[in-house]
């Protein structure tokens, strides 16, 4: 296994003594689809989650959202909006997501935020059926395996239905 520079997410989990496993699947940190990641780390497709940045169009000054959904699913903004009391949501553009999070698309992680309180964090309710979940460690090419309960607790994520 290659020598790993610890990401913010790994340091956070270690500091909180959260059991986890670090999986390096691409030392070059190339961009991979979430489906490719599942194959590369040998994880079930439905347990690999991607993190998306979402903005409130009806309240532009409100905190942005980080929404974690199954890699093979598509975010349903109309389904998520009522959970926030929002009228209209939109996906952040790549530049917006990277500027807001300080991370590259393909490596965005709720666990690696410098200022977690600057985002509202959501986890799709489909995750409740899982014991283990795989999420980005905050850098392309590195995935974390941890329990769904620990992920929700450490990120202070609210569970909401975000996919059909």
N, C-alpha and C. Protein backbone atom coordinates (compact mmCIF):
# COMPACT_ATOMS: atom_id res chain seq x y z
N UNK A 1 0.85 -1.18 0.00
CA UNK A 1 0.00 0.00 0.00
C UNK A 1 0.89 1.24 0.00
N UNK A 2 0.53 2.25 -0.79
CA UNK A 2 1.35 3.45 -0.86
C UNK A 2 1.32 4.22 0.46
N UNK A 3 2.36 5.01 0.67
CA UNK A 3 2.38 5.87 1.85
C UNK A 3 1.29 6.92 1.68
N UNK A 4 0.50 7.11 2.70
CA UNK A 4 -0.67 7.98 2.61
C UNK A 4 -0.44 9.26 3.38
N UNK A 5 -0.58 10.38 2.70
CA UNK A 5 -0.65 11.65 3.41
C UNK A 5 -2.04 11.71 4.00
N UNK A 6 -2.14 11.87 5.30
CA UNK A 6 -3.44 11.84 5.94
C UNK A 6 -4.27 13.04 5.51
N UNK A 7 -5.47 12.76 5.08
CA UNK A 7 -6.38 13.83 4.71
C UNK A 7 -7.03 14.37 5.99
N UNK A 8 -7.66 15.51 5.85
CA UNK A 8 -8.42 16.12 6.96
C UNK A 8 -9.44 15.11 7.50
N UNK A 9 -10.09 14.37 6.62
CA UNK A 9 -11.10 13.40 7.03
C UNK A 9 -10.49 12.29 7.88
N UNK A 10 -9.35 11.79 7.47
CA UNK A 10 -8.68 10.72 8.23
C UNK A 10 -8.27 11.24 9.60
N UNK A 11 -7.71 12.44 9.65
CA UNK A 11 -7.31 13.02 10.94
C UNK A 11 -8.52 13.21 11.85
N UNK A 12 -9.64 13.64 11.29
CA UNK A 12 -10.86 13.82 12.08
C UNK A 12 -11.32 12.50 12.69
N UNK A 13 -11.38 11.45 11.86
CA UNK A 13 -11.83 10.15 12.35
C UNK A 13 -10.88 9.60 13.41
N UNK A 14 -9.59 9.78 13.21
CA UNK A 14 -8.63 9.32 14.22
C UNK A 14 -8.78 10.10 15.52
N UNK A 15 -8.96 11.41 15.42
CA UNK A 15 -9.11 12.24 16.63
C UNK A 15 -10.36 11.86 17.42
N UNK A 16 -11.40 11.48 16.71
CA UNK A 16 -12.65 11.10 17.38
C UNK A 16 -12.71 9.60 17.68
N UNK A 17 -11.62 8.90 17.35
CA UNK A 17 -11.50 7.46 17.60
C UNK A 17 -12.63 6.66 16.94
N UNK A 18 -12.93 7.05 15.71
CA UNK A 18 -13.97 6.37 14.94
C UNK A 18 -13.31 5.24 14.14
N UNK A 19 -13.77 4.02 14.31
CA UNK A 19 -13.22 2.92 13.51
C UNK A 19 -13.47 3.17 12.01
N UNK A 20 -12.45 3.01 11.22
CA UNK A 20 -12.57 3.24 9.78
C UNK A 20 -11.44 2.50 9.08
N UNK A 21 -11.58 2.45 7.76
CA UNK A 21 -10.54 1.86 6.93
C UNK A 21 -10.29 2.81 5.77
N UNK A 22 -9.02 3.07 5.48
CA UNK A 22 -8.63 3.94 4.37
C UNK A 22 -8.31 3.06 3.17
N UNK A 23 -8.92 3.37 2.04
CA UNK A 23 -8.72 2.58 0.82
C UNK A 23 -8.18 3.50 -0.27
N UNK A 24 -6.91 3.31 -0.64
CA UNK A 24 -6.31 4.09 -1.72
C UNK A 24 -6.49 3.27 -2.99
N UNK A 25 -7.19 3.84 -3.95
CA UNK A 25 -7.45 3.10 -5.18
C UNK A 25 -6.78 3.70 -6.40
N UNK A 26 -6.21 4.90 -6.26
CA UNK A 26 -5.53 5.52 -7.39
C UNK A 26 -4.52 6.54 -6.86
N UNK A 27 -3.25 6.14 -6.86
CA UNK A 27 -2.20 7.03 -6.34
C UNK A 27 -2.06 8.31 -7.15
N UNK A 28 -2.47 8.28 -8.42
CA UNK A 28 -2.34 9.47 -9.26
C UNK A 28 -3.48 10.45 -9.02
N UNK A 29 -4.48 10.06 -8.22
CA UNK A 29 -5.63 10.89 -7.89
C UNK A 29 -6.41 11.31 -9.14
N UNK A 30 -6.47 10.40 -10.11
CA UNK A 30 -7.26 10.67 -11.30
C UNK A 30 -8.74 10.66 -10.99
N UNK A 31 -9.52 11.25 -11.85
CA UNK A 31 -10.97 11.27 -11.63
C UNK A 31 -11.57 9.94 -12.05
N UNK A 32 -12.40 9.37 -11.20
CA UNK A 32 -13.12 8.13 -11.49
C UNK A 32 -14.58 8.34 -11.18
N UNK A 33 -15.44 7.70 -11.94
CA UNK A 33 -16.86 7.74 -11.58
C UNK A 33 -17.02 6.96 -10.29
N UNK A 34 -18.09 7.24 -9.58
CA UNK A 34 -18.34 6.52 -8.33
C UNK A 34 -18.51 5.03 -8.59
N UNK A 35 -19.05 4.68 -9.75
CA UNK A 35 -19.20 3.27 -10.10
C UNK A 35 -17.84 2.61 -10.26
N UNK A 36 -16.88 3.33 -10.88
CA UNK A 36 -15.52 2.81 -11.01
C UNK A 36 -14.89 2.61 -9.64
N UNK A 37 -15.13 3.56 -8.74
CA UNK A 37 -14.57 3.46 -7.40
C UNK A 37 -15.04 2.17 -6.73
N UNK A 38 -16.33 1.88 -6.83
CA UNK A 38 -16.87 0.65 -6.22
C UNK A 38 -16.13 -0.57 -6.74
N UNK A 39 -15.91 -0.62 -8.05
CA UNK A 39 -15.19 -1.76 -8.63
C UNK A 39 -13.75 -1.82 -8.15
N UNK A 40 -13.09 -0.67 -8.10
CA UNK A 40 -11.68 -0.63 -7.71
C UNK A 40 -11.44 -1.01 -6.25
N UNK A 41 -12.39 -0.70 -5.38
CA UNK A 41 -12.20 -1.04 -3.95
C UNK A 41 -12.93 -2.31 -3.55
N UNK A 42 -13.67 -2.90 -4.49
CA UNK A 42 -14.37 -4.15 -4.20
C UNK A 42 -15.55 -3.98 -3.26
N UNK A 43 -16.21 -2.84 -3.34
CA UNK A 43 -17.35 -2.56 -2.47
C UNK A 43 -18.66 -2.72 -3.25
N UNK A 44 -19.74 -3.05 -2.56
CA UNK A 44 -21.04 -3.11 -3.23
C UNK A 44 -21.40 -1.72 -3.77
N UNK A 45 -21.95 -1.67 -4.99
CA UNK A 45 -22.31 -0.39 -5.59
C UNK A 45 -23.21 0.44 -4.68
N UNK A 46 -24.18 -0.19 -4.03
CA UNK A 46 -25.13 0.58 -3.22
C UNK A 46 -24.55 1.08 -1.91
N UNK A 47 -23.33 0.70 -1.58
CA UNK A 47 -22.68 1.18 -0.35
C UNK A 47 -21.69 2.31 -0.61
N UNK A 48 -21.41 2.60 -1.88
CA UNK A 48 -20.49 3.68 -2.24
C UNK A 48 -21.33 4.94 -2.46
N UNK A 49 -20.99 5.99 -1.72
CA UNK A 49 -21.76 7.22 -1.76
C UNK A 49 -20.92 8.36 -2.33
N UNK A 50 -21.61 9.24 -3.04
CA UNK A 50 -20.96 10.44 -3.55
C UNK A 50 -21.52 11.63 -2.76
N UNK A 51 -20.75 12.69 -2.73
CA UNK A 51 -21.16 13.89 -1.99
C UNK A 51 -21.35 15.02 -2.99
N UNK A 52 -22.54 15.58 -2.97
CA UNK A 52 -22.90 16.63 -3.92
C UNK A 52 -23.13 17.94 -3.17
N UNK A 53 -22.80 19.05 -3.80
CA UNK A 53 -23.03 20.37 -3.23
C UNK A 53 -24.26 20.96 -3.89
N UNK A 54 -25.19 21.40 -3.05
CA UNK A 54 -26.47 21.91 -3.50
C UNK A 54 -26.68 23.30 -2.91
N UNK A 55 -27.28 24.19 -3.70
CA UNK A 55 -27.54 25.56 -3.25
C UNK A 55 -29.04 25.83 -3.24
N UNK A 56 -29.45 26.69 -2.33
CA UNK A 56 -30.86 27.11 -2.25
C UNK A 56 -31.05 28.31 -3.17
N UNK A 57 -31.87 28.15 -4.18
CA UNK A 57 -32.11 29.27 -5.10
C UNK A 57 -33.03 30.31 -4.48
N UNK A 58 -33.92 29.86 -3.60
CA UNK A 58 -34.88 30.79 -3.00
C UNK A 58 -34.28 31.54 -1.80
N UNK A 59 -33.09 31.15 -1.36
CA UNK A 59 -32.42 31.83 -0.25
C UNK A 59 -30.90 31.78 -0.49
N UNK A 60 -30.41 32.59 -1.44
CA UNK A 60 -29.01 32.51 -1.84
C UNK A 60 -28.02 32.74 -0.70
N UNK A 61 -28.43 33.45 0.35
CA UNK A 61 -27.50 33.71 1.45
C UNK A 61 -27.51 32.58 2.49
N UNK A 62 -28.39 31.60 2.32
CA UNK A 62 -28.45 30.46 3.24
C UNK A 62 -27.23 29.56 3.04
N UNK A 63 -26.92 28.77 4.08
CA UNK A 63 -25.78 27.86 3.98
C UNK A 63 -26.00 26.87 2.84
N UNK A 64 -24.91 26.54 2.13
CA UNK A 64 -25.02 25.50 1.09
C UNK A 64 -25.21 24.14 1.75
N UNK A 65 -25.59 23.17 0.95
CA UNK A 65 -25.84 21.82 1.44
C UNK A 65 -24.80 20.88 0.89
N UNK A 66 -24.48 19.87 1.67
CA UNK A 66 -23.73 18.72 1.19
C UNK A 66 -24.69 17.55 1.33
N UNK A 67 -24.90 16.85 0.23
CA UNK A 67 -25.86 15.76 0.23
C UNK A 67 -25.13 14.49 -0.22
N UNK A 68 -25.17 13.48 0.64
CA UNK A 68 -24.51 12.20 0.35
C UNK A 68 -25.57 11.21 -0.12
N UNK A 69 -25.38 10.72 -1.35
CA UNK A 69 -26.32 9.76 -1.93
C UNK A 69 -25.55 8.60 -2.55
N UNK A 70 -26.27 7.51 -2.81
CA UNK A 70 -25.64 6.35 -3.47
C UNK A 70 -25.01 6.80 -4.78
N UNK A 71 -23.85 6.26 -5.06
CA UNK A 71 -23.13 6.63 -6.27
C UNK A 71 -23.93 6.32 -7.53
N UNK A 72 -24.75 5.30 -7.47
CA UNK A 72 -25.51 4.89 -8.65
C UNK A 72 -26.87 5.58 -8.72
N UNK A 73 -27.15 6.48 -7.80
CA UNK A 73 -28.45 7.16 -7.77
C UNK A 73 -28.33 8.57 -8.31
N UNK A 74 -29.47 9.16 -8.57
CA UNK A 74 -29.51 10.54 -9.02
C UNK A 74 -30.25 11.36 -7.97
N UNK A 75 -29.69 12.50 -7.61
CA UNK A 75 -30.30 13.37 -6.62
C UNK A 75 -31.62 13.92 -7.17
N UNK A 76 -32.66 13.89 -6.34
CA UNK A 76 -33.96 14.44 -6.70
C UNK A 76 -34.16 15.71 -5.87
N UNK A 77 -33.89 16.85 -6.47
CA UNK A 77 -33.96 18.12 -5.76
C UNK A 77 -35.38 18.44 -5.28
N UNK A 78 -36.37 18.03 -6.05
CA UNK A 78 -37.76 18.28 -5.65
C UNK A 78 -38.15 17.45 -4.44
N UNK A 79 -37.56 16.30 -4.31
CA UNK A 79 -37.82 15.43 -3.17
C UNK A 79 -37.10 15.95 -1.92
N UNK A 80 -35.92 16.50 -2.08
CA UNK A 80 -35.13 16.99 -0.96
C UNK A 80 -35.64 18.34 -0.44
N UNK A 81 -36.13 19.19 -1.31
CA UNK A 81 -36.52 20.56 -0.93
C UNK A 81 -37.46 20.62 0.28
N UNK A 82 -38.52 19.81 0.34
CA UNK A 82 -39.42 19.90 1.50
C UNK A 82 -38.74 19.59 2.84
N UNK A 83 -37.73 18.75 2.83
CA UNK A 83 -37.01 18.42 4.07
C UNK A 83 -36.31 19.66 4.63
N UNK A 84 -36.05 20.64 3.76
CA UNK A 84 -35.37 21.87 4.17
C UNK A 84 -36.32 23.03 4.34
N UNK A 85 -37.54 22.83 3.90
CA UNK A 85 -38.46 23.95 3.86
C UNK A 85 -38.08 24.91 2.74
N UNK A 86 -37.40 24.39 1.72
CA UNK A 86 -36.95 25.20 0.59
C UNK A 86 -37.93 25.06 -0.56
N UNK A 87 -38.02 26.11 -1.35
CA UNK A 87 -38.89 26.06 -2.52
C UNK A 87 -38.13 25.56 -3.74
N UNK A 88 -36.88 26.02 -3.89
CA UNK A 88 -36.13 25.65 -5.08
C UNK A 88 -34.66 25.46 -4.75
N UNK A 89 -34.13 24.32 -5.18
CA UNK A 89 -32.72 23.99 -5.00
C UNK A 89 -32.08 23.84 -6.36
N UNK A 90 -30.76 23.97 -6.39
CA UNK A 90 -30.02 23.68 -7.62
C UNK A 90 -28.67 23.09 -7.25
N UNK A 91 -28.16 22.30 -8.18
CA UNK A 91 -26.82 21.73 -8.02
C UNK A 91 -25.81 22.86 -8.19
N UNK A 92 -24.78 22.86 -7.37
CA UNK A 92 -23.69 23.82 -7.54
C UNK A 92 -22.91 23.43 -8.79
N UNK A 93 -22.45 24.43 -9.52
CA UNK A 93 -21.57 24.17 -10.65
C UNK A 93 -20.21 23.72 -10.10
N UNK A 94 -19.41 23.07 -10.93
CA UNK A 94 -18.13 22.53 -10.47
C UNK A 94 -17.29 23.59 -9.77
N UNK A 95 -17.14 24.74 -10.38
CA UNK A 95 -16.33 25.80 -9.78
C UNK A 95 -16.88 26.25 -8.44
N UNK A 96 -18.21 26.35 -8.36
CA UNK A 96 -18.84 26.75 -7.10
C UNK A 96 -18.57 25.71 -6.02
N UNK A 97 -18.77 24.44 -6.36
CA UNK A 97 -18.57 23.36 -5.38
C UNK A 97 -17.13 23.35 -4.88
N UNK A 98 -16.19 23.51 -5.79
CA UNK A 98 -14.77 23.49 -5.40
C UNK A 98 -14.41 24.72 -4.57
N UNK A 99 -14.94 25.88 -4.93
CA UNK A 99 -14.66 27.10 -4.17
C UNK A 99 -15.27 27.03 -2.77
N UNK A 100 -16.47 26.50 -2.66
CA UNK A 100 -17.14 26.42 -1.36
C UNK A 100 -16.50 25.40 -0.42
N UNK A 101 -16.03 24.29 -0.98
CA UNK A 101 -15.52 23.19 -0.14
C UNK A 101 -14.00 23.20 0.01
N UNK A 102 -13.31 23.79 -0.96
CA UNK A 102 -11.85 23.71 -0.96
C UNK A 102 -11.34 22.37 -1.44
N UNK A 103 -12.22 21.57 -2.03
CA UNK A 103 -11.85 20.24 -2.52
C UNK A 103 -12.22 20.13 -3.99
N UNK A 104 -11.53 19.21 -4.70
CA UNK A 104 -11.85 18.95 -6.10
C UNK A 104 -13.08 18.07 -6.22
N UNK A 105 -13.89 18.34 -7.22
CA UNK A 105 -15.00 17.44 -7.53
C UNK A 105 -14.41 16.06 -7.76
N UNK A 106 -15.05 15.05 -7.21
CA UNK A 106 -14.52 13.69 -7.27
C UNK A 106 -13.81 13.33 -5.97
N UNK A 107 -13.61 14.33 -5.12
CA UNK A 107 -12.97 14.10 -3.84
C UNK A 107 -13.63 14.87 -2.71
N UNK A 108 -14.80 15.43 -2.97
CA UNK A 108 -15.50 16.23 -1.95
C UNK A 108 -16.02 15.30 -0.86
N UNK A 109 -15.80 15.72 0.39
CA UNK A 109 -16.21 14.90 1.53
C UNK A 109 -16.71 15.78 2.67
N UNK A 110 -17.84 15.41 3.25
CA UNK A 110 -18.34 16.12 4.43
C UNK A 110 -17.40 15.94 5.61
N UNK A 111 -16.62 14.89 5.60
CA UNK A 111 -15.67 14.63 6.69
C UNK A 111 -14.43 15.51 6.59
N UNK A 112 -14.20 16.14 5.46
CA UNK A 112 -12.96 16.90 5.24
C UNK A 112 -13.17 18.41 5.23
N UNK A 113 -14.33 18.86 5.64
CA UNK A 113 -14.60 20.29 5.63
C UNK A 113 -13.77 21.02 6.68
N UNK A 114 -13.19 22.14 6.28
CA UNK A 114 -12.45 22.98 7.23
C UNK A 114 -13.41 23.63 8.23
N UNK A 115 -14.59 24.03 7.74
CA UNK A 115 -15.60 24.66 8.59
C UNK A 115 -16.93 23.92 8.41
N UNK A 116 -17.12 22.80 9.10
CA UNK A 116 -18.34 22.01 8.91
C UNK A 116 -19.62 22.79 9.17
N UNK A 117 -19.56 23.78 10.06
CA UNK A 117 -20.77 24.54 10.38
C UNK A 117 -21.21 25.45 9.24
N UNK A 118 -20.40 25.57 8.20
CA UNK A 118 -20.78 26.42 7.07
C UNK A 118 -21.66 25.69 6.06
N UNK A 119 -21.95 24.40 6.31
CA UNK A 119 -22.81 23.60 5.43
C UNK A 119 -23.90 22.92 6.25
N UNK A 120 -25.04 22.70 5.62
CA UNK A 120 -26.05 21.79 6.15
C UNK A 120 -25.77 20.45 5.46
N UNK A 121 -25.64 19.40 6.25
CA UNK A 121 -25.23 18.11 5.70
C UNK A 121 -26.37 17.12 5.79
N UNK A 122 -26.60 16.43 4.67
CA UNK A 122 -27.68 15.46 4.58
C UNK A 122 -27.15 14.12 4.08
N UNK A 123 -27.76 13.07 4.57
CA UNK A 123 -27.47 11.71 4.14
C UNK A 123 -28.77 11.11 3.66
N UNK A 124 -28.77 10.58 2.45
CA UNK A 124 -29.98 9.98 1.90
C UNK A 124 -30.44 8.83 2.79
N UNK A 125 -31.73 8.75 3.00
CA UNK A 125 -32.25 7.73 3.92
C UNK A 125 -32.01 6.30 3.45
N UNK A 126 -31.64 6.11 2.19
CA UNK A 126 -31.32 4.76 1.71
C UNK A 126 -30.12 4.17 2.48
N UNK A 127 -29.29 5.05 3.06
CA UNK A 127 -28.11 4.59 3.80
C UNK A 127 -28.49 3.83 5.07
N UNK A 128 -29.69 4.04 5.56
CA UNK A 128 -30.11 3.36 6.80
C UNK A 128 -30.09 1.84 6.68
N UNK A 129 -30.17 1.33 5.46
CA UNK A 129 -30.18 -0.12 5.25
C UNK A 129 -28.78 -0.72 5.26
N UNK A 130 -27.75 0.12 5.36
CA UNK A 130 -26.36 -0.34 5.30
C UNK A 130 -25.72 -0.40 6.68
N UNK A 131 -24.76 -1.29 6.82
CA UNK A 131 -23.92 -1.29 8.01
C UNK A 131 -22.69 -0.42 7.75
N UNK A 132 -22.03 -0.67 6.62
CA UNK A 132 -20.83 0.07 6.23
C UNK A 132 -21.13 0.94 5.02
N UNK A 133 -20.45 2.07 4.98
CA UNK A 133 -20.62 2.99 3.86
C UNK A 133 -19.22 3.43 3.42
N UNK A 134 -19.10 3.77 2.15
CA UNK A 134 -17.83 4.20 1.57
C UNK A 134 -18.01 5.61 1.04
N UNK A 135 -17.18 6.53 1.54
CA UNK A 135 -17.25 7.93 1.12
C UNK A 135 -15.84 8.43 0.84
N UNK A 136 -15.76 9.52 0.10
CA UNK A 136 -14.46 10.10 -0.21
C UNK A 136 -13.77 10.56 1.07
N UNK A 137 -12.45 10.47 1.05
CA UNK A 137 -11.65 10.94 2.18
C UNK A 137 -11.27 12.41 2.02
N UNK A 138 -11.82 13.07 1.02
CA UNK A 138 -11.51 14.48 0.81
C UNK A 138 -10.46 14.71 -0.26
N UNK A 139 -10.07 13.65 -0.93
CA UNK A 139 -9.11 13.74 -2.03
C UNK A 139 -9.42 12.63 -3.02
N UNK A 140 -9.27 12.92 -4.28
CA UNK A 140 -9.49 11.88 -5.30
C UNK A 140 -8.52 10.73 -5.05
N UNK A 141 -9.02 9.52 -5.27
CA UNK A 141 -8.17 8.34 -5.15
C UNK A 141 -8.13 7.72 -3.77
N UNK A 142 -8.83 8.32 -2.80
CA UNK A 142 -8.85 7.78 -1.44
C UNK A 142 -10.28 7.72 -0.94
N UNK A 143 -10.68 6.53 -0.51
CA UNK A 143 -12.04 6.30 -0.02
C UNK A 143 -11.95 5.85 1.44
N UNK A 144 -12.99 6.14 2.20
CA UNK A 144 -13.07 5.71 3.59
C UNK A 144 -14.23 4.75 3.77
N UNK A 145 -14.00 3.70 4.55
CA UNK A 145 -15.06 2.78 4.94
C UNK A 145 -15.31 3.01 6.43
N UNK A 146 -16.57 3.23 6.78
CA UNK A 146 -16.94 3.39 8.17
C UNK A 146 -18.42 3.05 8.34
N UNK A 147 -18.88 3.01 9.57
CA UNK A 147 -20.29 2.68 9.78
C UNK A 147 -21.15 3.89 9.42
N UNK A 148 -22.36 3.61 8.99
CA UNK A 148 -23.30 4.67 8.63
C UNK A 148 -23.59 5.53 9.86
N UNK A 149 -23.77 4.89 11.01
CA UNK A 149 -24.05 5.64 12.24
C UNK A 149 -22.90 6.59 12.58
N UNK A 150 -21.66 6.12 12.44
CA UNK A 150 -20.52 6.98 12.73
C UNK A 150 -20.44 8.15 11.75
N UNK A 151 -20.69 7.88 10.47
CA UNK A 151 -20.67 8.96 9.47
C UNK A 151 -21.70 10.02 9.82
N UNK A 152 -22.91 9.60 10.11
CA UNK A 152 -23.98 10.56 10.44
C UNK A 152 -23.64 11.34 11.71
N UNK A 153 -23.10 10.66 12.71
CA UNK A 153 -22.77 11.32 13.98
C UNK A 153 -21.64 12.33 13.81
N UNK A 154 -20.56 11.91 13.16
CA UNK A 154 -19.38 12.77 13.03
C UNK A 154 -19.67 13.99 12.14
N UNK A 155 -20.47 13.82 11.11
CA UNK A 155 -20.78 14.94 10.21
C UNK A 155 -22.00 15.73 10.66
N UNK A 156 -22.69 15.22 11.68
CA UNK A 156 -23.93 15.83 12.14
C UNK A 156 -24.96 15.90 11.01
N UNK A 157 -24.98 14.85 10.20
CA UNK A 157 -25.86 14.81 9.03
C UNK A 157 -27.30 14.53 9.45
N UNK A 158 -28.20 15.19 8.77
CA UNK A 158 -29.62 14.88 8.91
C UNK A 158 -29.96 13.85 7.83
N UNK A 159 -30.79 12.90 8.17
CA UNK A 159 -31.21 11.89 7.21
C UNK A 159 -32.49 12.38 6.55
N UNK A 160 -32.50 12.34 5.23
CA UNK A 160 -33.67 12.78 4.47
C UNK A 160 -33.73 12.00 3.16
N UNK A 161 -34.91 11.88 2.63
CA UNK A 161 -35.06 11.21 1.34
C UNK A 161 -34.62 12.17 0.25
N UNK A 162 -33.61 11.75 -0.52
CA UNK A 162 -33.05 12.63 -1.56
C UNK A 162 -33.00 11.95 -2.93
N UNK A 163 -33.37 10.66 -2.97
CA UNK A 163 -33.37 9.93 -4.24
C UNK A 163 -34.65 9.11 -4.30
N UNK A 164 -35.03 8.76 -5.54
CA UNK A 164 -36.22 7.90 -5.71
C UNK A 164 -35.83 6.46 -5.61
